[in-house]
């Protein structure tokens, strides 16, 4: 005879002979493959459900939520429900929705005060080392998200969006698991443009985000107990670029029936939306959306698509012969609040005003790498207007090149701070360093009130593929060529 136990969120079955418990169902998740998958990962399953684990007795390996004592021997159990500390979500360096409105959304800027922890480390010339390491996902070309997805504890996902492979990190077993699609789930591969997922506020259990796929916009759900995922169609049209949000509005460039570009928009959770014709705009190759000044921007090598809720979108080509340098970082702000993008007209670099029908142009005397006011010319910071001269503190840094990876926004700081890569003894063109050049020596540095050299990298190639992320109160750096991700502890990222 088997006994049935019901908790507010789950249904369990107790075997009367062995005394062990098996999960039959739990709120928000589909079929539970207990014997094949969940039973082999009981510590992780218990933390996800808020179940109880034994400390001393061996009567059963796991107990239903709320059990404080073993029903067979009376030993005290370790109750996990309500014990997890709240940690901030991470949706990639471009996906921080906690930033104030005067900071561009969609750029590698985070609201987490990373400098408060990192700047306590020894200052240069001391060269630090990473504190922790984590195996890279089996499919290493990926984007990361760290959130609770409606569970009691945060978990890390890695989506290899070029192949459509979703990977789940079990922090207790320190293993990556490849999640299998449930029957009817859509393909997750998306390669037309830069990838970005759209997080869901107040997610249901297992609800991840709205994601672009090859043929539709999908709402992604995970079942980490059975190591599976499912999808729900949000829009049955092929996305040409990643979706973006501006306040309560959502918009996404999609392909129409004839292959021309349309901008689909909707408000709140309304299933029906409005479509605008953008016939002359490209159908692939777009940047992630950038939200600023009440507008969404999608940038392209040929021009910019700008949309303000309540208005028709505008497709504006770059003024010839000017072409953008999107790989240099992204838009930055001037002191009067306008957005600018760096580019080249065949003779010299310059900054071009974004979102204007007749854009202003500001010439500069060399390449500047960065975004959102975290700008560098060669190895020196640019502290005033984007086109101002660099601030030289150490002339020896003329022979270095700095590539910003992540800015940490903090209202209490007069100058931007963030994570950067510094290429040493490099005097070549910025374009070559970011693409084909093999950099002999690179340092990972924190630039802020107090500069810190966090680590050193030998023979770095394709530095634009370095991905910073914050997970489990650690700052991590990932590159597809590495076997291990490098991590630096933070005091408390929240």
Protein backbone atom coordinates (compact mmCIF):
# COMPACT_ATOMS: atom_id res chain seq x y z
CA UNK A 1 0.00 0.00 0.00
CA UNK A 2 1.25 3.50 -0.85
CA UNK A 3 0.45 6.62 1.18
CA UNK A 4 -0.37 9.90 -0.52
CA UNK A 5 0.87 13.20 0.89
CA UNK A 6 -0.38 16.55 -0.38
CA UNK A 7 1.42 19.85 0.28
CA UNK A 8 0.23 23.29 -0.89
CA UNK A 9 2.26 22.93 -4.11
CA UNK A 10 2.96 19.22 -4.63
CA UNK A 11 1.63 15.67 -4.38
CA UNK A 12 3.94 12.94 -3.04
CA UNK A 13 3.63 9.18 -2.69
CA UNK A 14 5.23 7.23 0.18
CA UNK A 15 6.18 3.59 -0.40
CA UNK A 16 4.95 1.61 2.61
CA UNK A 17 7.76 -0.96 2.25
CA UNK A 18 10.83 1.22 1.71
CA UNK A 19 9.48 4.37 3.35
CA UNK A 20 10.83 6.51 0.48
CA UNK A 21 8.92 9.39 -1.09
CA UNK A 22 8.29 9.94 -4.80
CA UNK A 23 7.06 13.20 -6.28
CA UNK A 24 3.95 12.64 -8.40
CA UNK A 25 3.20 16.23 -9.44
CA UNK A 26 4.01 19.80 -8.51
CA UNK A 27 2.46 23.15 -9.34
CA UNK A 28 3.31 24.62 -12.75
CA UNK A 29 5.35 21.67 -14.02
CA UNK A 30 4.27 18.93 -16.35
CA UNK A 31 5.19 15.26 -16.23
CA UNK A 32 7.73 14.40 -13.53
CA UNK A 33 10.22 11.73 -14.65
CA UNK A 34 11.22 10.83 -11.11
CA UNK A 35 13.12 7.60 -11.65
CA UNK A 36 15.04 8.62 -14.78
CA UNK A 37 16.10 12.17 -13.87
CA UNK A 38 14.90 13.73 -10.63
CA UNK A 39 15.91 10.84 -8.35
CA UNK A 40 19.53 11.19 -9.44
CA UNK A 41 19.57 14.90 -8.48
CA UNK A 42 17.78 14.87 -5.14
CA UNK A 43 19.74 17.70 -3.46
CA UNK A 44 19.04 20.07 -6.37
CA UNK A 45 15.40 18.95 -6.57
CA UNK A 46 14.93 19.52 -2.83
CA UNK A 47 16.32 23.08 -3.08
CA UNK A 48 14.11 23.86 -6.09
CA UNK A 49 10.95 22.63 -4.36
CA UNK A 50 11.77 23.80 -0.85
CA UNK A 51 11.53 20.17 0.32
CA UNK A 52 13.25 18.64 3.35
CA UNK A 53 16.46 16.57 3.52
CA UNK A 54 17.70 14.20 6.23
CA UNK A 55 20.59 15.25 8.49
CA UNK A 56 21.08 12.07 10.51
CA UNK A 57 18.55 9.39 9.60
CA UNK A 58 18.67 7.11 6.55
CA UNK A 59 14.98 6.33 6.30
CA UNK A 60 14.47 8.29 3.06
CA UNK A 61 16.68 10.51 0.85
CA UNK A 62 14.07 13.29 0.49
CA UNK A 63 10.87 14.38 2.25
CA UNK A 64 7.91 16.54 1.13
CA UNK A 65 7.85 20.29 1.70
CA UNK A 66 7.24 21.29 5.30
CA UNK A 67 8.39 18.04 6.93
CA UNK A 68 10.37 18.91 10.07
CA UNK A 69 10.71 15.36 11.47
CA UNK A 70 11.13 11.94 9.91
CA UNK A 71 7.74 10.13 10.26
CA UNK A 72 9.56 6.80 10.83
CA UNK A 73 12.34 7.49 13.35
CA UNK A 74 11.53 11.02 14.53
CA UNK A 75 14.90 12.53 13.56
CA UNK A 76 14.99 16.22 12.79
CA UNK A 77 15.08 17.13 9.09
CA UNK A 78 16.69 20.06 7.29
CA UNK A 79 13.81 22.17 6.00
CA UNK A 80 14.82 24.14 2.90
CA UNK A 81 11.55 26.04 2.45
CA UNK A 82 12.05 29.77 3.00
CA UNK A 83 15.79 29.48 3.67
CA UNK A 84 17.14 30.68 0.31
CA UNK A 85 18.60 34.19 0.25
CA UNK A 86 17.23 36.50 -2.44
CA UNK A 87 19.81 37.26 -5.12
CA UNK A 88 19.33 39.66 -8.04
CA UNK A 89 18.37 38.29 -11.44
CA UNK A 90 20.78 38.41 -14.35
CA UNK A 91 19.53 38.47 -17.95
CA UNK A 92 22.83 39.18 -19.65
CA UNK A 93 24.85 42.39 -19.58
CA UNK A 94 22.21 43.99 -21.84
CA UNK A 95 19.14 43.02 -19.81
CA UNK A 96 19.07 44.96 -16.54
CA UNK A 97 15.57 46.41 -16.13
CA UNK A 98 16.36 47.96 -12.73
CA UNK A 99 18.33 50.82 -14.31
CA UNK A 100 16.85 54.33 -14.06
CA UNK A 101 15.29 55.73 -17.21
CA UNK A 102 18.05 58.23 -17.89
CA UNK A 103 20.47 55.31 -18.45
CA UNK A 104 20.16 53.54 -21.85
CA UNK A 105 18.67 50.06 -21.48
CA UNK A 106 19.99 47.28 -23.71
CA UNK A 107 23.68 48.18 -23.37
CA UNK A 108 26.14 46.25 -21.17
CA UNK A 109 25.24 48.25 -18.05
CA UNK A 110 24.20 46.78 -14.70
CA UNK A 111 22.65 48.40 -11.65
CA UNK A 112 24.56 46.03 -9.32
CA UNK A 113 27.22 47.84 -7.21
CA UNK A 114 30.06 45.55 -8.28
CA UNK A 115 32.77 48.08 -7.48
CA UNK A 116 31.95 48.07 -3.77
CA UNK A 117 33.37 44.54 -3.57
CA UNK A 118 35.96 44.44 -6.34
CA UNK A 119 37.72 47.66 -5.32
CA UNK A 120 38.66 46.13 -1.95
CA UNK A 121 41.26 43.95 -3.72
CA UNK A 122 44.96 44.91 -4.00
CA UNK A 123 45.65 47.80 -6.36
CA UNK A 124 48.11 47.70 -9.31
CA UNK A 125 50.82 46.69 -9.91
CA UNK A 126 49.51 43.59 -8.08
CA UNK A 127 47.99 41.12 -10.56
CA UNK A 128 45.13 39.14 -9.06
CA UNK A 129 43.75 35.72 -9.86
CA UNK A 130 40.18 34.48 -10.12
CA UNK A 131 38.70 33.04 -6.91
CA UNK A 132 36.49 30.37 -8.45
CA UNK A 133 36.02 28.40 -11.64
CA UNK A 134 33.07 26.72 -13.29
CA UNK A 135 33.04 24.32 -16.26
CA UNK A 136 31.90 25.98 -19.46
CA UNK A 137 28.61 24.68 -20.87
CA UNK A 138 28.92 21.77 -23.35
CA UNK A 139 27.65 24.15 -26.06
CA UNK A 140 29.90 27.08 -25.28
CA UNK A 141 28.61 29.72 -27.72
CA UNK A 142 25.73 30.87 -25.53
CA UNK A 143 23.92 33.57 -23.60
CA UNK A 144 23.24 33.30 -19.86
CA UNK A 145 20.35 34.00 -17.51
CA UNK A 146 20.32 33.62 -13.72
CA UNK A 147 16.92 33.90 -12.06
CA UNK A 148 14.46 31.95 -9.93
CA UNK A 149 11.90 31.33 -12.72
CA UNK A 150 9.25 31.03 -10.01
CA UNK A 151 11.24 28.58 -7.83
CA UNK A 152 12.55 29.32 -4.33
CA UNK A 153 16.21 29.48 -5.47
CA UNK A 154 18.09 31.03 -8.35
CA UNK A 155 19.45 28.81 -11.12
CA UNK A 156 21.70 29.46 -14.13
CA UNK A 157 20.66 28.76 -17.73
CA UNK A 158 22.91 28.85 -20.81
CA UNK A 159 21.15 28.99 -24.18
CA UNK A 160 23.24 28.14 -27.23
CA UNK A 161 20.93 30.15 -29.47
CA UNK A 162 22.75 29.37 -32.73
CA UNK A 163 21.95 25.67 -32.20
CA UNK A 164 18.83 25.95 -30.07
CA UNK A 165 20.30 24.00 -27.12
CA UNK A 166 19.16 24.93 -23.58
CA UNK A 167 21.54 24.01 -20.72
CA UNK A 168 20.91 23.96 -16.96
CA UNK A 169 23.57 24.27 -14.24
CA UNK A 170 23.15 22.05 -11.17
CA UNK A 171 25.20 23.98 -8.57
CA UNK A 172 25.18 21.17 -6.00
CA UNK A 173 26.45 18.48 -8.36
CA UNK A 174 28.48 21.08 -10.33
CA UNK A 175 27.27 19.66 -13.63
CA UNK A 176 25.64 21.05 -16.76
CA UNK A 177 22.51 19.27 -18.00
CA UNK A 178 21.19 19.60 -21.56
CA UNK A 179 17.42 20.06 -21.37
CA UNK A 180 15.29 18.10 -23.83
CA UNK A 181 12.27 19.64 -25.61
CA UNK A 182 8.89 18.34 -24.61
CA UNK A 183 6.53 17.16 -27.32
CA UNK A 184 5.39 20.09 -29.46
CA UNK A 185 8.08 22.51 -28.22
CA UNK A 186 9.36 24.98 -30.80
CA UNK A 187 12.96 25.14 -31.99
CA UNK A 188 14.94 27.68 -29.95
CA UNK A 189 17.58 28.48 -32.57
CA UNK A 190 17.80 32.14 -33.66
CA UNK A 191 20.58 33.48 -35.88
CA UNK A 192 19.09 36.36 -37.90
CA UNK A 193 20.27 39.07 -35.49
CA UNK A 194 21.84 39.61 -32.07
CA UNK A 195 20.10 37.61 -29.36
CA UNK A 196 18.25 38.97 -26.33
CA UNK A 197 15.55 37.43 -24.19
CA UNK A 198 12.69 39.43 -22.72
CA UNK A 199 12.26 38.60 -19.02
CA UNK A 200 8.83 38.08 -17.49
CA UNK A 201 7.82 40.08 -14.42
CA UNK A 202 6.43 37.91 -11.60
CA UNK A 203 6.99 34.62 -13.48
CA UNK A 204 4.97 31.49 -12.87
CA UNK A 205 6.73 28.33 -11.77
CA UNK A 206 9.16 27.39 -14.52
CA UNK A 207 8.47 30.50 -16.63
CA UNK A 208 11.67 31.91 -18.11
CA UNK A 209 11.19 34.62 -20.74
CA UNK A 210 9.84 35.57 -24.15
CA UNK A 211 12.47 34.46 -26.65
CA UNK A 212 12.95 34.85 -30.41
CA UNK A 213 13.00 31.63 -32.43
CA UNK A 214 13.50 30.94 -36.12
CA UNK A 215 9.79 31.05 -36.99
CA UNK A 216 8.03 32.72 -34.05
CA UNK A 217 8.21 34.52 -30.73
CA UNK A 218 7.92 31.97 -27.93
CA UNK A 219 7.33 31.98 -24.18
CA UNK A 220 9.86 29.57 -22.66
CA UNK A 221 9.12 27.31 -19.68
CA UNK A 222 11.52 24.88 -17.99
CA UNK A 223 11.00 21.74 -15.93
CA UNK A 224 14.38 21.28 -14.18
CA UNK A 225 13.11 18.21 -12.34
CA UNK A 226 12.68 16.27 -15.59
CA UNK A 227 15.35 18.29 -17.45
CA UNK A 228 12.90 19.39 -20.15
CA UNK A 229 11.49 22.61 -21.57
CA UNK A 230 8.30 23.63 -23.37
CA UNK A 231 7.19 26.69 -25.30
CA UNK A 232 4.03 28.69 -25.94
CA UNK A 233 3.63 30.75 -29.09
CA UNK A 234 3.38 34.50 -28.48
CA UNK A 235 3.52 35.56 -32.13
CA UNK A 236 3.44 33.23 -35.15
CA UNK A 237 5.73 35.31 -37.35
CA UNK A 238 9.49 34.95 -37.93
CA UNK A 239 11.40 37.55 -35.87
CA UNK A 240 13.96 39.58 -37.76
CA UNK A 241 15.48 40.91 -34.52
CA UNK A 242 15.17 40.39 -30.77
CA UNK A 243 12.11 41.87 -29.03
CA UNK A 244 12.32 44.96 -26.83
CA UNK A 245 10.18 46.59 -24.16
CA UNK A 246 9.46 50.24 -23.47
CA UNK A 247 7.47 50.64 -20.26
CA UNK A 248 4.31 48.57 -20.82
CA UNK A 249 4.84 48.21 -24.55
CA UNK A 250 6.56 45.36 -26.38
CA UNK A 251 7.85 45.54 -29.96
CA UNK A 252 9.65 43.18 -32.31
CA UNK A 253 10.72 43.48 -35.97
CA UNK A 254 9.26 40.49 -37.84
CA UNK A 255 9.04 39.22 -41.40
CA UNK A 256 5.73 39.69 -43.21
CA UNK A 257 4.11 37.28 -45.64
CA UNK A 258 6.06 38.75 -48.55
CA UNK A 259 9.38 38.74 -46.70
CA UNK A 260 9.36 42.51 -46.00
CA UNK A 261 10.07 43.88 -42.54
CA UNK A 262 7.20 44.75 -40.20
CA UNK A 263 7.30 46.09 -36.65
CA UNK A 264 4.88 44.23 -34.39
CA UNK A 265 3.87 46.08 -31.23
CA UNK A 266 1.56 45.32 -28.34
CA UNK A 267 0.69 46.77 -24.93
CA UNK A 268 0.89 44.77 -21.71
CA UNK A 269 -0.25 41.16 -22.00
CA UNK A 270 -2.67 41.78 -24.87
CA UNK A 271 -2.38 38.91 -27.39
CA UNK A 272 -3.39 41.09 -30.33
CA UNK A 273 -1.04 43.78 -31.52
CA UNK A 274 -0.45 46.35 -34.22
CA UNK A 275 1.89 46.01 -37.20
CA UNK A 276 3.74 48.76 -39.05
CA UNK A 277 5.32 48.49 -42.47
CA UNK A 278 9.11 49.00 -42.63
CA UNK A 279 9.46 47.84 -46.23
CA UNK A 280 12.89 49.31 -47.02
CA UNK A 281 14.57 48.10 -43.82
CA UNK A 282 16.87 45.02 -43.76
CA UNK A 283 15.47 41.67 -42.66
CA UNK A 284 18.51 40.44 -40.66
CA UNK A 285 21.69 41.64 -38.98
CA UNK A 286 20.15 43.87 -36.27
CA UNK A 287 21.62 44.74 -32.90
CA UNK A 288 19.82 44.06 -29.64
CA UNK A 289 17.17 46.71 -28.97
CA UNK A 290 18.23 49.76 -26.96
CA UNK A 291 15.67 51.64 -24.88
CA UNK A 292 16.22 55.32 -24.13
CA UNK A 293 14.25 58.56 -23.91
CA UNK A 294 10.93 56.74 -24.40
CA UNK A 295 12.10 55.11 -27.65
CA UNK A 296 13.43 51.75 -28.85
CA UNK A 297 16.41 51.65 -31.23
CA UNK A 298 17.52 48.74 -33.40
CA UNK A 299 20.87 49.44 -35.06
CA UNK A 300 22.15 47.97 -38.33
CA UNK A 301 25.15 48.42 -40.61
CA UNK A 302 22.79 50.23 -43.05
CA UNK A 303 20.78 52.40 -40.65
CA UNK A 304 18.60 52.61 -37.55
CA UNK A 305 15.00 51.65 -36.77
CA UNK A 306 13.48 53.96 -34.15
CA UNK A 307 10.09 53.51 -32.52
CA UNK A 308 8.23 55.46 -29.85
CA UNK A 309 5.01 53.92 -28.42
CA UNK A 310 1.97 55.49 -30.03
CA UNK A 311 3.86 56.49 -33.19
CA UNK A 312 4.86 54.81 -36.44
CA UNK A 313 8.45 53.51 -36.57
CA UNK A 314 11.10 55.37 -38.57
CA UNK A 315 13.75 53.63 -40.67
CA UNK A 316 16.65 56.01 -41.26
CA UNK A 317 19.73 55.18 -43.32
CA UNK A 318 23.13 56.42 -42.21
CA UNK A 319 24.27 59.50 -44.13
CA UNK A 320 26.73 58.33 -46.81
CA UNK A 321 29.62 57.68 -46.73
CA UNK A 322 29.47 57.31 -42.92
CA UNK A 323 29.25 53.70 -41.63
CA UNK A 324 28.92 52.62 -37.99
CA UNK A 325 31.45 50.69 -35.92
CA UNK A 326 29.00 48.57 -33.95
CA UNK A 327 31.78 46.27 -32.70
CA UNK A 328 33.36 49.17 -30.80
CA UNK A 329 30.72 48.88 -28.06
CA UNK A 330 27.52 50.83 -28.61
CA UNK A 331 25.84 54.21 -28.20
CA UNK A 332 27.02 56.69 -25.61
CA UNK A 333 25.54 59.89 -24.17
CA UNK A 334 26.63 63.49 -24.38
CA UNK A 335 26.17 65.86 -21.46
CA UNK A 336 22.90 67.18 -22.90
CA UNK A 337 21.43 63.65 -22.91
CA UNK A 338 21.58 62.82 -26.61
CA UNK A 339 22.70 59.39 -27.87
CA UNK A 340 25.72 59.09 -30.20
CA UNK A 341 27.28 56.26 -32.17
CA UNK A 342 30.85 56.05 -33.44
CA UNK A 343 31.55 55.41 -37.12
CA UNK A 344 33.90 56.15 -40.02
CA UNK A 345 33.37 58.08 -43.25
CA UNK A 346 36.35 56.65 -45.14
CA UNK A 347 38.71 59.35 -43.91
CA UNK A 348 38.21 59.75 -40.18
CA UNK A 349 36.17 58.59 -37.20
CA UNK A 350 33.25 60.63 -35.89
CA UNK A 351 30.23 60.42 -33.58
CA UNK A 352 26.76 60.60 -35.16
CA UNK A 353 23.63 61.66 -33.29
CA UNK A 354 21.03 58.88 -33.05
CA UNK A 355 17.28 59.22 -33.60
CA UNK A 356 17.46 62.56 -35.45
CA UNK A 357 16.24 63.14 -39.02
CA UNK A 358 19.11 65.58 -39.62
CA UNK A 359 21.81 64.18 -37.28
CA UNK A 360 24.67 66.23 -35.94
CA UNK A 361 28.18 64.86 -36.43
CA UNK A 362 31.21 65.37 -34.16
CA UNK A 363 34.68 64.52 -35.56
CA UNK A 364 37.28 62.75 -33.40
CA UNK A 365 40.97 62.03 -33.83
CA UNK A 366 40.91 58.26 -33.26
CA UNK A 367 38.85 55.22 -32.35
CA UNK A 368 37.05 55.14 -29.02
CA UNK A 369 35.87 51.82 -27.56
CA UNK A 370 32.98 51.60 -25.12
CA UNK A 371 29.37 52.51 -24.47
CA UNK A 372 27.17 54.49 -22.07
CA UNK A 373 29.96 56.96 -21.13
CA UNK A 374 32.45 54.16 -20.30
CA UNK A 375 34.76 55.18 -23.16
CA UNK A 376 38.50 54.74 -23.83
CA UNK A 377 40.86 56.04 -26.48
CA UNK A 378 43.73 53.56 -26.58
CA UNK A 379 44.54 52.93 -22.90
CA UNK A 380 43.13 56.21 -21.55
CA UNK A 381 39.59 57.06 -20.36
CA UNK A 382 37.46 59.74 -22.05
CA UNK A 383 35.81 61.61 -19.17
CA UNK A 384 33.91 64.54 -20.67
CA UNK A 385 31.99 64.57 -23.95
CA UNK A 386 32.42 61.45 -26.14
CA UNK A 387 34.50 63.51 -28.60
CA UNK A 388 36.66 65.15 -25.92
CA UNK A 389 40.34 64.34 -25.59
CA UNK A 390 41.42 61.42 -23.45
CA UNK A 391 42.52 61.83 -19.81
CA UNK A 392 46.18 60.75 -19.64
CA UNK A 393 47.36 59.56 -16.22
CA UNK A 394 50.10 57.14 -17.33
CA UNK A 395 51.81 57.81 -20.71
CA UNK A 396 52.92 54.15 -20.82
CA UNK A 397 49.31 53.18 -21.47
CA UNK A 398 49.63 54.67 -24.97
CA UNK A 399 50.82 51.19 -25.97
CA UNK A 400 47.70 49.48 -24.63
CA UNK A 401 44.13 49.23 -25.89
CA UNK A 402 41.15 49.00 -23.51
CA UNK A 403 37.91 47.20 -24.42
CA UNK A 404 35.03 47.82 -21.94
CA UNK A 405 32.86 44.77 -21.24
CA UNK A 406 30.44 45.92 -18.52
CA UNK A 407 29.61 49.18 -16.81
CA UNK A 408 28.31 49.27 -13.24
CA UNK A 409 25.96 52.22 -12.86
CA UNK A 410 26.11 53.98 -9.51
CA UNK A 411 24.54 57.37 -8.80
CA UNK A 412 27.15 58.02 -6.12
CA UNK A 413 30.05 58.09 -8.58
CA UNK A 414 31.05 61.07 -10.68
CA UNK A 415 32.90 58.91 -13.25
CA UNK A 416 31.80 55.62 -14.82
CA UNK A 417 33.25 52.37 -13.49
CA UNK A 418 33.26 48.93 -15.01
CA UNK A 419 34.94 45.74 -16.18
CA UNK A 420 37.43 46.04 -19.06
CA UNK A 421 40.04 44.06 -21.00
CA UNK A 422 43.41 45.74 -21.49
CA UNK A 423 45.52 44.55 -24.44
CA UNK A 424 49.21 45.14 -23.64
CA UNK A 425 51.88 46.21 -26.15
CA UNK A 426 49.28 46.68 -28.86
CA UNK A 427 49.55 49.68 -31.16
CA UNK A 428 47.56 48.38 -34.15
CA UNK A 429 44.07 49.25 -35.35
CA UNK A 430 41.14 48.61 -33.04
CA UNK A 431 39.26 46.73 -35.77
CA UNK A 432 42.06 44.13 -36.02
CA UNK A 433 42.28 43.63 -32.26
CA UNK A 434 38.55 42.90 -32.08
CA UNK A 435 38.49 40.42 -34.96
CA UNK A 436 41.51 38.49 -36.25
CA UNK A 437 44.41 39.52 -34.03
CA UNK A 438 45.79 37.15 -31.38
CA UNK A 439 46.59 39.24 -28.29
CA UNK A 440 49.70 37.95 -26.48
CA UNK A 441 48.88 39.44 -23.06
CA UNK A 442 45.56 40.72 -21.77
CA UNK A 443 44.59 41.76 -18.27
CA UNK A 444 41.07 41.71 -16.85
CA UNK A 445 40.67 44.95 -14.91
CA UNK A 446 38.14 46.83 -12.83
CA UNK A 447 38.20 50.58 -13.51
CA UNK A 448 36.61 52.70 -10.77
CA UNK A 449 37.45 54.76 -7.74
CA UNK A 450 40.27 52.28 -7.26
CA UNK A 451 41.58 50.31 -10.21
CA UNK A 452 42.18 46.57 -9.75
CA UNK A 453 43.83 43.96 -12.00
CA UNK A 454 41.62 40.92 -11.50
CA UNK A 455 43.39 38.40 -13.73
CA UNK A 456 45.71 37.86 -16.66
CA UNK A 457 44.97 36.08 -19.96
CA UNK A 458 47.56 34.73 -22.40
CA UNK A 459 46.90 34.51 -26.14
CA UNK A 460 43.35 35.85 -26.27
CA UNK A 461 41.50 35.69 -29.58
CA UNK A 462 38.11 37.17 -30.49
CA UNK A 463 37.75 39.29 -27.33
CA UNK A 464 34.21 40.35 -28.29
CA UNK A 465 33.12 36.81 -27.40
CA UNK A 466 34.01 37.37 -23.72
CA UNK A 467 30.75 37.31 -21.76
CA UNK A 468 30.51 38.74 -18.21
CA UNK A 469 27.74 37.54 -15.92
CA UNK A 470 26.74 37.77 -12.26
CA UNK A 471 25.53 34.59 -10.59
CA UNK A 472 25.55 33.33 -7.00
CA UNK A 473 27.18 36.54 -5.70
CA UNK A 474 30.10 36.16 -8.09
CA UNK A 475 31.23 38.04 -11.16
CA UNK A 476 32.05 35.51 -13.90
CA UNK A 477 33.84 35.83 -17.23
CA UNK A 478 33.20 33.31 -20.01
CA UNK A 479 34.87 32.76 -23.38
CA UNK A 480 33.95 29.86 -25.71
CA UNK A 481 37.63 28.87 -26.10
CA UNK A 482 38.18 28.35 -22.36
CA UNK A 483 37.56 25.13 -20.45
CA UNK A 484 36.60 26.99 -17.28
CA UNK A 485 34.72 30.18 -16.52
CA UNK A 486 36.60 32.53 -14.18
CA UNK A 487 34.82 33.93 -11.11
CA UNK A 488 35.44 36.65 -8.53
CA UNK A 489 33.47 36.70 -5.29
CA UNK A 490 31.27 39.67 -4.46
CA UNK A 491 30.31 40.60 -0.90
CA UNK A 492 26.60 40.81 -1.71
CA UNK A 493 25.49 41.66 -5.24
CA UNK A 494 22.07 42.70 -3.98
